[in-house]
Amino acid sequence: MANANDIKNGAVVKEGNDLWMFIEFQHVKPGKGPAFIRTKRKNVMTGKVVEKTYNPNENLEFTNIDRKNMQYTYNDGANYVFMDTKTFEQAEISETVVGDDRKYLTEGETEVTVAFHEGNALFMELPLSANVTIKYTEPDNQGNSANARLKPATFENSAGEEFEVQVPGFIEIGDRIVVDTRTNEFKERLKKA
């Protein structure tokens, strides 16, 4: 066991049945009263972010999270299958862990970081951006407007599911674009080959 003075960003502690990852911490020494540590932490299973303060000498149960670089290979219907890029071992990851990030998975192309604890996949982290091809969008009817207007456009993942993203008016069907995977926002159009 270690104490709260050992808190670092990215460290994970086990409290009850929950695992919490620290995303921010600050040692506070007020003018009156004892020092404390103010933290912001995220539940690695639910994604819920909460603030909590600790006494610096409070005992905590730190635990290790194994992060592996993995490539998405295919969906077998119930699970998503990823391959470790170093050992070539495969791991089946449930749809609840993958969640909405499935929209950016392309078979044989997408590399992600998967966090494991005691052999169980906890969460996955996508690259910050993804390249997608626009399957459908309305033509731009605004002309060369001084105001950049956004319009809906759809793209398809490798499983054939369609998703929507807002794009500028100049984007056309068949264009390859870059999307920010954290915000689902258009970043840029890729040059045509």
N, C-alpha and C. Protein backbone atom coordinates (compact mmCIF):
# COMPACT_ATOMS: atom_id res chain seq x y z
N MET A 1 0.84 -1.19 0.00
CA MET A 1 0.00 0.00 0.00
C MET A 1 0.88 1.24 0.00
N ALA A 2 0.42 2.23 -0.72
CA ALA A 2 1.10 3.52 -0.77
C ALA A 2 0.12 4.56 -0.23
N ASN A 3 0.60 5.79 -0.11
CA ASN A 3 -0.31 6.81 0.37
C ASN A 3 -0.60 7.85 -0.70
N ALA A 4 -1.46 8.79 -0.37
CA ALA A 4 -1.93 9.77 -1.35
C ALA A 4 -0.82 10.67 -1.88
N ASN A 5 0.30 10.78 -1.18
CA ASN A 5 1.43 11.56 -1.70
C ASN A 5 1.99 10.97 -2.98
N ASP A 6 1.67 9.70 -3.28
CA ASP A 6 2.17 9.04 -4.49
C ASP A 6 1.25 9.22 -5.70
N ILE A 7 0.21 10.02 -5.58
CA ILE A 7 -0.71 10.25 -6.69
C ILE A 7 0.01 10.96 -7.83
N LYS A 8 -0.20 10.44 -9.05
CA LYS A 8 0.33 11.05 -10.28
C LYS A 8 -0.77 10.98 -11.33
N ASN A 9 -0.70 11.84 -12.33
CA ASN A 9 -1.65 11.76 -13.44
C ASN A 9 -1.49 10.41 -14.13
N GLY A 10 -2.60 9.74 -14.39
CA GLY A 10 -2.56 8.44 -15.05
C GLY A 10 -2.50 7.27 -14.08
N ALA A 11 -2.19 7.53 -12.80
CA ALA A 11 -2.15 6.45 -11.81
C ALA A 11 -3.57 5.96 -11.56
N VAL A 12 -3.69 4.67 -11.25
CA VAL A 12 -5.01 4.06 -11.04
C VAL A 12 -5.05 3.46 -9.64
N VAL A 13 -6.15 3.75 -8.92
CA VAL A 13 -6.35 3.17 -7.59
C VAL A 13 -7.63 2.34 -7.60
N LYS A 14 -7.64 1.35 -6.72
CA LYS A 14 -8.82 0.52 -6.55
C LYS A 14 -9.49 0.93 -5.25
N GLU A 15 -10.77 1.29 -5.34
CA GLU A 15 -11.56 1.64 -4.16
C GLU A 15 -12.84 0.82 -4.24
N GLY A 16 -12.98 -0.14 -3.35
CA GLY A 16 -14.11 -1.07 -3.42
C GLY A 16 -13.96 -1.92 -4.67
N ASN A 17 -15.01 -1.95 -5.49
CA ASN A 17 -14.95 -2.69 -6.76
C ASN A 17 -14.63 -1.79 -7.94
N ASP A 18 -14.37 -0.50 -7.69
CA ASP A 18 -14.15 0.46 -8.76
C ASP A 18 -12.67 0.76 -8.94
N LEU A 19 -12.30 1.05 -10.19
CA LEU A 19 -10.96 1.52 -10.52
C LEU A 19 -11.08 2.98 -10.95
N TRP A 20 -10.23 3.82 -10.36
CA TRP A 20 -10.25 5.25 -10.64
C TRP A 20 -8.89 5.69 -11.17
N MET A 21 -8.89 6.44 -12.28
CA MET A 21 -7.66 6.97 -12.85
C MET A 21 -7.60 8.47 -12.56
N PHE A 22 -6.46 8.92 -12.04
CA PHE A 22 -6.29 10.34 -11.74
C PHE A 22 -5.99 11.10 -13.03
N ILE A 23 -6.75 12.16 -13.26
CA ILE A 23 -6.51 12.99 -14.44
C ILE A 23 -5.97 14.37 -14.06
N GLU A 24 -6.15 14.75 -12.80
CA GLU A 24 -5.58 16.01 -12.28
C GLU A 24 -5.37 15.85 -10.78
N PHE A 25 -4.32 16.50 -10.28
CA PHE A 25 -4.15 16.54 -8.83
C PHE A 25 -3.41 17.81 -8.46
N GLN A 26 -3.62 18.25 -7.22
CA GLN A 26 -2.98 19.47 -6.74
C GLN A 26 -2.78 19.34 -5.23
N HIS A 27 -1.54 19.57 -4.79
CA HIS A 27 -1.25 19.60 -3.36
C HIS A 27 -1.63 20.99 -2.85
N VAL A 28 -2.47 21.05 -1.82
CA VAL A 28 -2.96 22.32 -1.30
C VAL A 28 -2.53 22.45 0.16
N LYS A 29 -1.91 23.58 0.46
CA LYS A 29 -1.49 23.85 1.84
C LYS A 29 -2.14 25.17 2.25
N PRO A 30 -3.33 25.09 2.86
CA PRO A 30 -4.03 26.32 3.24
C PRO A 30 -3.31 27.03 4.39
N GLY A 31 -3.63 28.28 4.57
CA GLY A 31 -3.02 29.06 5.66
C GLY A 31 -3.35 28.47 7.02
N LYS A 32 -4.56 27.99 7.19
CA LYS A 32 -4.97 27.35 8.44
C LYS A 32 -5.45 25.94 8.11
N GLY A 33 -5.21 25.04 8.98
CA GLY A 33 -5.65 23.66 8.78
C GLY A 33 -4.60 22.82 8.09
N PRO A 34 -4.85 21.53 8.04
CA PRO A 34 -3.87 20.60 7.46
C PRO A 34 -3.84 20.65 5.93
N ALA A 35 -2.73 20.22 5.35
CA ALA A 35 -2.59 20.13 3.90
C ALA A 35 -3.48 18.99 3.39
N PHE A 36 -3.87 19.09 2.11
CA PHE A 36 -4.65 18.03 1.49
C PHE A 36 -4.32 17.98 0.00
N ILE A 37 -4.80 16.93 -0.65
CA ILE A 37 -4.58 16.76 -2.08
C ILE A 37 -5.95 16.77 -2.76
N ARG A 38 -6.14 17.73 -3.66
CA ARG A 38 -7.38 17.85 -4.43
C ARG A 38 -7.17 17.12 -5.75
N THR A 39 -8.08 16.20 -6.08
CA THR A 39 -7.92 15.43 -7.31
C THR A 39 -9.17 15.47 -8.17
N LYS A 40 -8.97 15.20 -9.44
CA LYS A 40 -10.06 14.94 -10.37
C LYS A 40 -9.73 13.56 -10.92
N ARG A 41 -10.69 12.65 -10.83
CA ARG A 41 -10.43 11.27 -11.24
C ARG A 41 -11.59 10.74 -12.06
N LYS A 42 -11.28 9.73 -12.87
CA LYS A 42 -12.28 9.16 -13.78
C LYS A 42 -12.44 7.68 -13.49
N ASN A 43 -13.67 7.24 -13.38
CA ASN A 43 -13.97 5.83 -13.21
C ASN A 43 -13.68 5.15 -14.55
N VAL A 44 -12.73 4.19 -14.56
CA VAL A 44 -12.31 3.60 -15.83
C VAL A 44 -13.38 2.71 -16.45
N MET A 45 -14.36 2.28 -15.69
CA MET A 45 -15.42 1.45 -16.25
C MET A 45 -16.57 2.29 -16.81
N THR A 46 -16.95 3.33 -16.09
CA THR A 46 -18.12 4.12 -16.49
C THR A 46 -17.76 5.42 -17.19
N GLY A 47 -16.53 5.91 -17.00
CA GLY A 47 -16.12 7.18 -17.58
C GLY A 47 -16.54 8.38 -16.76
N LYS A 48 -17.23 8.16 -15.64
CA LYS A 48 -17.69 9.26 -14.79
C LYS A 48 -16.49 9.97 -14.16
N VAL A 49 -16.48 11.30 -14.21
CA VAL A 49 -15.40 12.10 -13.63
C VAL A 49 -15.91 12.77 -12.36
N VAL A 50 -15.17 12.60 -11.27
CA VAL A 50 -15.54 13.21 -9.99
C VAL A 50 -14.31 13.82 -9.35
N GLU A 51 -14.56 14.78 -8.47
CA GLU A 51 -13.48 15.38 -7.69
C GLU A 51 -13.48 14.74 -6.30
N LYS A 52 -12.28 14.59 -5.74
CA LYS A 52 -12.16 14.03 -4.40
C LYS A 52 -10.91 14.59 -3.76
N THR A 53 -10.98 14.83 -2.45
CA THR A 53 -9.79 15.28 -1.72
C THR A 53 -9.29 14.14 -0.84
N TYR A 54 -7.98 14.14 -0.64
CA TYR A 54 -7.33 13.10 0.17
C TYR A 54 -6.44 13.76 1.21
N ASN A 55 -6.32 13.12 2.36
CA ASN A 55 -5.31 13.45 3.34
C ASN A 55 -4.00 12.90 2.78
N PRO A 56 -2.88 13.65 2.83
CA PRO A 56 -1.62 13.18 2.24
C PRO A 56 -1.14 11.83 2.78
N ASN A 57 -1.50 11.47 4.01
CA ASN A 57 -1.04 10.21 4.59
C ASN A 57 -2.06 9.08 4.42
N GLU A 58 -3.17 9.36 3.72
CA GLU A 58 -4.21 8.36 3.53
C GLU A 58 -3.68 7.21 2.66
N ASN A 59 -3.92 5.98 3.10
CA ASN A 59 -3.47 4.80 2.35
C ASN A 59 -4.36 4.56 1.15
N LEU A 60 -3.73 4.28 -0.01
CA LEU A 60 -4.45 3.99 -1.24
C LEU A 60 -3.93 2.68 -1.83
N GLU A 61 -4.80 1.97 -2.53
CA GLU A 61 -4.41 0.72 -3.18
C GLU A 61 -4.20 1.00 -4.68
N PHE A 62 -2.94 1.31 -5.05
CA PHE A 62 -2.62 1.55 -6.45
C PHE A 62 -2.59 0.22 -7.18
N THR A 63 -3.01 0.22 -8.44
CA THR A 63 -3.02 -1.00 -9.24
C THR A 63 -2.46 -0.70 -10.62
N ASN A 64 -1.98 -1.72 -11.29
CA ASN A 64 -1.39 -1.55 -12.62
C ASN A 64 -2.43 -1.78 -13.71
N ILE A 65 -2.33 -0.94 -14.72
CA ILE A 65 -3.15 -1.08 -15.92
C ILE A 65 -2.16 -1.34 -17.06
N ASP A 66 -2.39 -2.41 -17.80
CA ASP A 66 -1.55 -2.72 -18.96
C ASP A 66 -2.17 -2.08 -20.19
N ARG A 67 -1.38 -1.23 -20.85
CA ARG A 67 -1.85 -0.60 -22.09
C ARG A 67 -1.14 -1.29 -23.25
N LYS A 68 -1.94 -1.73 -24.22
CA LYS A 68 -1.38 -2.42 -25.38
C LYS A 68 -1.83 -1.74 -26.66
N ASN A 69 -0.89 -1.59 -27.59
CA ASN A 69 -1.24 -1.09 -28.92
C ASN A 69 -1.81 -2.26 -29.70
N MET A 70 -3.04 -2.08 -30.19
CA MET A 70 -3.73 -3.17 -30.87
C MET A 70 -4.35 -2.66 -32.17
N GLN A 71 -4.47 -3.58 -33.12
CA GLN A 71 -5.08 -3.27 -34.41
C GLN A 71 -6.44 -3.97 -34.49
N TYR A 72 -7.45 -3.22 -34.92
CA TYR A 72 -8.78 -3.80 -35.08
C TYR A 72 -8.76 -4.72 -36.29
N THR A 73 -9.21 -5.98 -36.09
CA THR A 73 -9.20 -6.93 -37.20
C THR A 73 -10.60 -7.22 -37.74
N TYR A 74 -11.57 -7.52 -36.87
CA TYR A 74 -12.92 -7.78 -37.35
C TYR A 74 -13.89 -7.84 -36.18
N ASN A 75 -15.20 -7.87 -36.53
CA ASN A 75 -16.27 -8.02 -35.55
C ASN A 75 -16.88 -9.39 -35.79
N ASP A 76 -16.95 -10.22 -34.74
CA ASP A 76 -17.52 -11.57 -34.91
C ASP A 76 -19.01 -11.62 -34.58
N GLY A 77 -19.63 -10.46 -34.45
CA GLY A 77 -21.06 -10.40 -34.14
C GLY A 77 -21.32 -10.01 -32.70
N ALA A 78 -20.62 -10.66 -31.76
CA ALA A 78 -20.81 -10.35 -30.34
C ALA A 78 -19.66 -9.51 -29.80
N ASN A 79 -18.47 -9.68 -30.35
CA ASN A 79 -17.28 -8.99 -29.84
C ASN A 79 -16.48 -8.39 -30.99
N TYR A 80 -15.62 -7.46 -30.62
CA TYR A 80 -14.68 -6.87 -31.56
C TYR A 80 -13.33 -7.54 -31.30
N VAL A 81 -12.69 -8.00 -32.37
CA VAL A 81 -11.43 -8.72 -32.23
C VAL A 81 -10.28 -7.80 -32.61
N PHE A 82 -9.33 -7.67 -31.67
CA PHE A 82 -8.15 -6.84 -31.86
C PHE A 82 -6.91 -7.71 -31.78
N MET A 83 -5.84 -7.31 -32.48
CA MET A 83 -4.59 -8.05 -32.46
C MET A 83 -3.51 -7.17 -31.86
N ASP A 84 -2.77 -7.71 -30.90
CA ASP A 84 -1.63 -7.02 -30.30
C ASP A 84 -0.59 -6.83 -31.39
N THR A 85 -0.14 -5.60 -31.61
CA THR A 85 0.78 -5.33 -32.72
C THR A 85 2.20 -5.83 -32.44
N LYS A 86 2.50 -6.21 -31.20
CA LYS A 86 3.83 -6.74 -30.89
C LYS A 86 3.84 -8.27 -30.84
N THR A 87 2.87 -8.86 -30.17
CA THR A 87 2.87 -10.32 -29.97
C THR A 87 1.97 -11.05 -30.96
N PHE A 88 1.12 -10.32 -31.68
CA PHE A 88 0.16 -10.86 -32.64
C PHE A 88 -0.92 -11.72 -31.97
N GLU A 89 -1.02 -11.64 -30.65
CA GLU A 89 -2.11 -12.33 -29.94
C GLU A 89 -3.40 -11.56 -30.17
N GLN A 90 -4.51 -12.31 -30.21
CA GLN A 90 -5.80 -11.67 -30.41
C GLN A 90 -6.57 -11.59 -29.11
N ALA A 91 -7.37 -10.53 -28.99
CA ALA A 91 -8.22 -10.35 -27.82
C ALA A 91 -9.61 -9.95 -28.29
N GLU A 92 -10.62 -10.57 -27.69
CA GLU A 92 -12.00 -10.21 -27.98
C GLU A 92 -12.44 -9.17 -26.97
N ILE A 93 -12.98 -8.07 -27.47
CA ILE A 93 -13.40 -6.97 -26.61
C ILE A 93 -14.88 -6.73 -26.83
N SER A 94 -15.61 -6.64 -25.73
CA SER A 94 -17.07 -6.54 -25.82
C SER A 94 -17.51 -5.19 -26.39
N GLU A 95 -18.73 -5.19 -26.89
CA GLU A 95 -19.31 -3.97 -27.47
C GLU A 95 -19.46 -2.88 -26.41
N THR A 96 -19.66 -3.26 -25.15
CA THR A 96 -19.80 -2.24 -24.10
C THR A 96 -18.49 -1.48 -23.90
N VAL A 97 -17.36 -2.13 -24.08
CA VAL A 97 -16.06 -1.45 -23.94
C VAL A 97 -15.81 -0.57 -25.17
N VAL A 98 -16.13 -1.08 -26.36
CA VAL A 98 -15.90 -0.34 -27.60
C VAL A 98 -16.85 0.85 -27.70
N GLY A 99 -18.13 0.63 -27.38
CA GLY A 99 -19.12 1.71 -27.37
C GLY A 99 -19.26 2.42 -28.71
N ASP A 100 -19.46 3.73 -28.64
CA ASP A 100 -19.65 4.55 -29.84
C ASP A 100 -18.38 4.71 -30.66
N ASP A 101 -17.23 4.34 -30.10
CA ASP A 101 -15.98 4.45 -30.85
C ASP A 101 -15.96 3.52 -32.06
N ARG A 102 -16.92 2.59 -32.13
CA ARG A 102 -16.97 1.65 -33.26
C ARG A 102 -17.08 2.37 -34.59
N LYS A 103 -17.63 3.59 -34.57
CA LYS A 103 -17.83 4.31 -35.83
C LYS A 103 -16.52 4.60 -36.54
N TYR A 104 -15.41 4.65 -35.80
CA TYR A 104 -14.12 4.97 -36.41
C TYR A 104 -13.23 3.74 -36.63
N LEU A 105 -13.78 2.53 -36.41
CA LEU A 105 -12.98 1.32 -36.59
C LEU A 105 -13.03 0.85 -38.03
N THR A 106 -11.86 0.65 -38.62
CA THR A 106 -11.74 0.11 -39.96
C THR A 106 -10.92 -1.16 -39.89
N GLU A 107 -11.49 -2.25 -40.38
CA GLU A 107 -10.82 -3.55 -40.31
C GLU A 107 -9.43 -3.50 -40.92
N GLY A 108 -8.43 -3.98 -40.15
CA GLY A 108 -7.07 -4.08 -40.63
C GLY A 108 -6.32 -2.76 -40.69
N GLU A 109 -6.95 -1.65 -40.31
CA GLU A 109 -6.29 -0.35 -40.40
C GLU A 109 -6.20 0.37 -39.06
N THR A 110 -7.29 0.42 -38.32
CA THR A 110 -7.35 1.24 -37.12
C THR A 110 -6.50 0.65 -35.99
N GLU A 111 -5.56 1.45 -35.48
CA GLU A 111 -4.78 1.06 -34.32
C GLU A 111 -5.25 1.86 -33.11
N VAL A 112 -5.47 1.17 -32.01
CA VAL A 112 -5.97 1.79 -30.79
C VAL A 112 -5.08 1.35 -29.63
N THR A 113 -5.26 2.00 -28.49
CA THR A 113 -4.63 1.56 -27.25
C THR A 113 -5.73 0.98 -26.38
N VAL A 114 -5.53 -0.26 -25.95
CA VAL A 114 -6.52 -0.91 -25.09
C VAL A 114 -5.91 -1.09 -23.71
N ALA A 115 -6.64 -0.70 -22.67
CA ALA A 115 -6.19 -0.83 -21.29
C ALA A 115 -6.79 -2.09 -20.69
N PHE A 116 -5.92 -2.92 -20.10
CA PHE A 116 -6.34 -4.17 -19.48
C PHE A 116 -6.01 -4.15 -17.99
N HIS A 117 -6.87 -4.77 -17.20
CA HIS A 117 -6.60 -4.98 -15.77
C HIS A 117 -6.95 -6.43 -15.47
N GLU A 118 -5.96 -7.19 -15.02
CA GLU A 118 -6.14 -8.61 -14.71
C GLU A 118 -6.77 -9.36 -15.89
N GLY A 119 -6.31 -9.04 -17.10
CA GLY A 119 -6.76 -9.74 -18.30
C GLY A 119 -8.07 -9.25 -18.88
N ASN A 120 -8.75 -8.33 -18.21
CA ASN A 120 -10.02 -7.80 -18.70
C ASN A 120 -9.82 -6.44 -19.35
N ALA A 121 -10.41 -6.26 -20.53
CA ALA A 121 -10.33 -4.97 -21.22
C ALA A 121 -11.21 -3.96 -20.48
N LEU A 122 -10.61 -2.82 -20.11
CA LEU A 122 -11.35 -1.78 -19.39
C LEU A 122 -11.89 -0.71 -20.32
N PHE A 123 -11.01 -0.20 -21.19
CA PHE A 123 -11.40 0.85 -22.12
C PHE A 123 -10.41 0.88 -23.27
N MET A 124 -10.79 1.59 -24.31
CA MET A 124 -9.87 1.75 -25.44
C MET A 124 -9.78 3.22 -25.80
N GLU A 125 -8.62 3.59 -26.32
CA GLU A 125 -8.38 4.97 -26.72
C GLU A 125 -8.10 4.98 -28.22
N LEU A 126 -8.91 5.74 -28.95
CA LEU A 126 -8.72 5.89 -30.40
C LEU A 126 -7.60 6.87 -30.68
N PRO A 127 -7.06 6.86 -31.91
CA PRO A 127 -6.18 7.96 -32.31
C PRO A 127 -6.99 9.26 -32.26
N LEU A 128 -6.33 10.39 -32.20
CA LEU A 128 -7.03 11.67 -32.07
C LEU A 128 -7.86 12.02 -33.30
N SER A 129 -7.52 11.45 -34.46
CA SER A 129 -8.29 11.73 -35.67
C SER A 129 -8.44 10.46 -36.50
N ALA A 130 -9.45 10.46 -37.35
CA ALA A 130 -9.72 9.32 -38.23
C ALA A 130 -10.06 9.85 -39.62
N ASN A 131 -9.66 9.09 -40.64
CA ASN A 131 -10.00 9.43 -42.02
C ASN A 131 -11.25 8.64 -42.41
N VAL A 132 -12.24 9.34 -42.94
CA VAL A 132 -13.47 8.70 -43.37
C VAL A 132 -13.85 9.21 -44.76
N THR A 133 -14.65 8.42 -45.47
CA THR A 133 -15.12 8.80 -46.80
C THR A 133 -16.59 9.17 -46.71
N ILE A 134 -16.95 10.32 -47.26
CA ILE A 134 -18.33 10.78 -47.23
C ILE A 134 -19.16 9.94 -48.20
N LYS A 135 -20.18 9.30 -47.67
CA LYS A 135 -21.06 8.46 -48.48
C LYS A 135 -22.20 9.29 -49.09
N TYR A 136 -22.72 10.24 -48.28
CA TYR A 136 -23.82 11.07 -48.79
C TYR A 136 -23.81 12.43 -48.10
N THR A 137 -24.06 13.46 -48.88
CA THR A 137 -24.31 14.80 -48.37
C THR A 137 -25.04 15.59 -49.45
N GLU A 138 -25.80 16.57 -49.05
CA GLU A 138 -26.51 17.42 -50.02
C GLU A 138 -25.50 18.32 -50.73
N PRO A 139 -25.81 18.70 -51.97
CA PRO A 139 -24.93 19.66 -52.65
C PRO A 139 -24.98 21.01 -51.94
N ASP A 140 -23.91 21.79 -52.09
CA ASP A 140 -23.85 23.11 -51.47
C ASP A 140 -24.68 24.08 -52.30
N ASN A 141 -25.73 24.64 -51.70
CA ASN A 141 -26.57 25.57 -52.44
C ASN A 141 -26.38 27.01 -51.97
N GLN A 142 -25.37 27.25 -51.17
CA GLN A 142 -25.13 28.59 -50.66
C GLN A 142 -24.16 29.38 -51.52
N GLY A 143 -23.48 28.73 -52.46
CA GLY A 143 -22.50 29.43 -53.28
C GLY A 143 -21.29 29.81 -52.45
N ASN A 144 -20.62 30.86 -52.84
CA ASN A 144 -19.45 31.33 -52.10
C ASN A 144 -19.90 32.31 -51.03
N SER A 145 -20.40 31.77 -49.96
CA SER A 145 -20.92 32.58 -48.87
C SER A 145 -19.77 33.01 -47.95
N ALA A 146 -19.88 34.20 -47.42
CA ALA A 146 -18.86 34.68 -46.47
C ALA A 146 -18.97 33.92 -45.16
N ASN A 147 -20.16 33.44 -44.85
CA ASN A 147 -20.36 32.66 -43.63
C ASN A 147 -20.24 31.18 -43.94
N ALA A 148 -19.32 30.51 -43.27
CA ALA A 148 -19.15 29.07 -43.48
C ALA A 148 -20.31 28.35 -42.83
N ARG A 149 -21.12 27.71 -43.64
CA ARG A 149 -22.27 26.97 -43.13
C ARG A 149 -21.92 25.49 -43.10
N LEU A 150 -22.41 24.83 -42.06
CA LEU A 150 -22.20 23.40 -41.95
C LEU A 150 -23.43 22.66 -42.43
N LYS A 151 -23.21 21.47 -42.96
CA LYS A 151 -24.31 20.63 -43.42
C LYS A 151 -24.03 19.20 -42.96
N PRO A 152 -25.08 18.39 -42.80
CA PRO A 152 -24.85 17.01 -42.39
C PRO A 152 -24.30 16.17 -43.54
N ALA A 153 -23.44 15.23 -43.17
CA ALA A 153 -22.90 14.28 -44.13
C ALA A 153 -22.79 12.93 -43.43
N THR A 154 -22.94 11.85 -44.18
CA THR A 154 -22.84 10.52 -43.57
C THR A 154 -21.60 9.80 -44.09
N PHE A 155 -21.04 8.98 -43.20
CA PHE A 155 -19.94 8.10 -43.58
C PHE A 155 -20.25 6.73 -43.01
N GLU A 156 -19.54 5.73 -43.49
CA GLU A 156 -19.82 4.36 -43.14
C GLU A 156 -18.59 3.73 -42.50
N ASN A 157 -18.77 2.94 -41.43
CA ASN A 157 -17.64 2.20 -40.89
C ASN A 157 -17.52 0.88 -41.64
N SER A 158 -16.53 0.07 -41.30
CA SER A 158 -16.31 -1.16 -42.07
C SER A 158 -17.39 -2.20 -41.83
N ALA A 159 -18.24 -2.01 -40.81
CA ALA A 159 -19.35 -2.94 -40.58
C ALA A 159 -20.60 -2.51 -41.34
N GLY A 160 -20.51 -1.40 -42.08
CA GLY A 160 -21.65 -0.93 -42.87
C GLY A 160 -22.60 -0.02 -42.12
N GLU A 161 -22.26 0.33 -40.86
CA GLU A 161 -23.11 1.25 -40.10
C GLU A 161 -22.83 2.68 -40.56
N GLU A 162 -23.89 3.48 -40.65
CA GLU A 162 -23.74 4.87 -41.08
C GLU A 162 -23.77 5.81 -39.88
N PHE A 163 -22.92 6.85 -39.96
CA PHE A 163 -22.82 7.85 -38.91
C PHE A 163 -22.80 9.23 -39.55
N GLU A 164 -23.21 10.23 -38.77
CA GLU A 164 -23.30 11.58 -39.30
C GLU A 164 -22.23 12.48 -38.71
N VAL A 165 -21.75 13.41 -39.53
CA VAL A 165 -20.80 14.43 -39.10
C VAL A 165 -21.18 15.73 -39.82
N GLN A 166 -20.98 16.85 -39.16
CA GLN A 166 -21.25 18.15 -39.78
C GLN A 166 -20.00 18.59 -40.55
N VAL A 167 -20.20 18.98 -41.81
CA VAL A 167 -19.08 19.36 -42.67
C VAL A 167 -19.36 20.71 -43.32
N PRO A 168 -18.30 21.39 -43.79
CA PRO A 168 -18.51 22.65 -44.53
C PRO A 168 -19.21 22.37 -45.86
N GLY A 169 -19.80 23.41 -46.44
CA GLY A 169 -20.57 23.28 -47.66
C GLY A 169 -19.81 22.76 -48.86
N PHE A 170 -18.50 22.95 -48.92
CA PHE A 170 -17.73 22.53 -50.10
C PHE A 170 -17.45 21.02 -50.14
N ILE A 171 -17.78 20.28 -49.10
CA ILE A 171 -17.54 18.84 -49.07
C ILE A 171 -18.58 18.14 -49.96
N GLU A 172 -18.10 17.18 -50.76
CA GLU A 172 -18.96 16.47 -51.70
C GLU A 172 -18.92 14.97 -51.42
N ILE A 173 -19.86 14.25 -52.03
CA ILE A 173 -19.89 12.79 -51.92
C ILE A 173 -18.57 12.24 -52.47
N GLY A 174 -17.99 11.29 -51.72
CA GLY A 174 -16.73 10.67 -52.15
C GLY A 174 -15.49 11.33 -51.57
N ASP A 175 -15.63 12.53 -51.00
CA ASP A 175 -14.47 13.21 -50.40
C ASP A 175 -13.98 12.43 -49.18
N ARG A 176 -12.66 12.38 -49.01
CA ARG A 176 -12.06 11.81 -47.80
C ARG A 176 -11.77 12.98 -46.87
N ILE A 177 -12.23 12.86 -45.62
CA ILE A 177 -12.04 13.94 -44.65
C ILE A 177 -11.41 13.39 -43.38
N VAL A 178 -10.88 14.29 -42.57
CA VAL A 178 -10.32 13.95 -41.27
C VAL A 178 -11.31 14.44 -40.21
N VAL A 179 -11.66 13.54 -39.27
CA VAL A 179 -12.61 13.85 -38.21
C VAL A 179 -11.91 13.71 -36.86
N ASP A 180 -12.14 14.66 -35.96
CA ASP A 180 -11.62 14.58 -34.59
C ASP A 180 -12.45 13.53 -33.86
N THR A 181 -11.80 12.44 -33.40
CA THR A 181 -12.54 11.34 -32.78
C THR A 181 -13.07 11.68 -31.40
N ARG A 182 -12.53 12.73 -30.76
CA ARG A 182 -13.02 13.11 -29.43
C ARG A 182 -14.31 13.91 -29.52
N THR A 183 -14.43 14.75 -30.56
CA THR A 183 -15.57 15.66 -30.66
C THR A 183 -16.50 15.36 -31.83
N ASN A 184 -16.10 14.44 -32.71
CA ASN A 184 -16.84 14.11 -33.92
C ASN A 184 -16.99 15.34 -34.82
N GLU A 185 -15.96 16.19 -34.87
CA GLU A 185 -15.99 17.40 -35.68
C GLU A 185 -15.05 17.29 -36.87
N PHE A 186 -15.46 17.90 -37.98
CA PHE A 186 -14.65 17.97 -39.19
C PHE A 186 -13.36 18.74 -38.90
N LYS A 187 -12.22 18.21 -39.40
CA LYS A 187 -10.94 18.92 -39.25
C LYS A 187 -10.42 19.44 -40.59
N GLU A 188 -10.42 18.55 -41.61
CA GLU A 188 -9.91 18.97 -42.91
C GLU A 188 -10.32 17.96 -43.99
N ARG A 189 -10.22 18.43 -45.26
CA ARG A 189 -10.46 17.55 -46.40
C ARG A 189 -9.10 17.05 -46.87
N LEU A 190 -9.00 15.76 -47.18
CA LEU A 190 -7.76 15.21 -47.71
C LEU A 190 -7.70 15.46 -49.20
N LYS A 191 -6.49 15.61 -49.72
CA LYS A 191 -6.31 15.85 -51.14
C LYS A 191 -6.70 14.62 -51.93
N LYS A 192 -7.30 14.86 -53.08
CA LYS A 192 -7.71 13.75 -53.94
C LYS A 192 -6.48 13.16 -54.61
N ALA A 193 -6.49 11.83 -54.74
CA ALA A 193 -5.33 11.15 -55.34
C ALA A 193 -5.36 11.24 -56.86
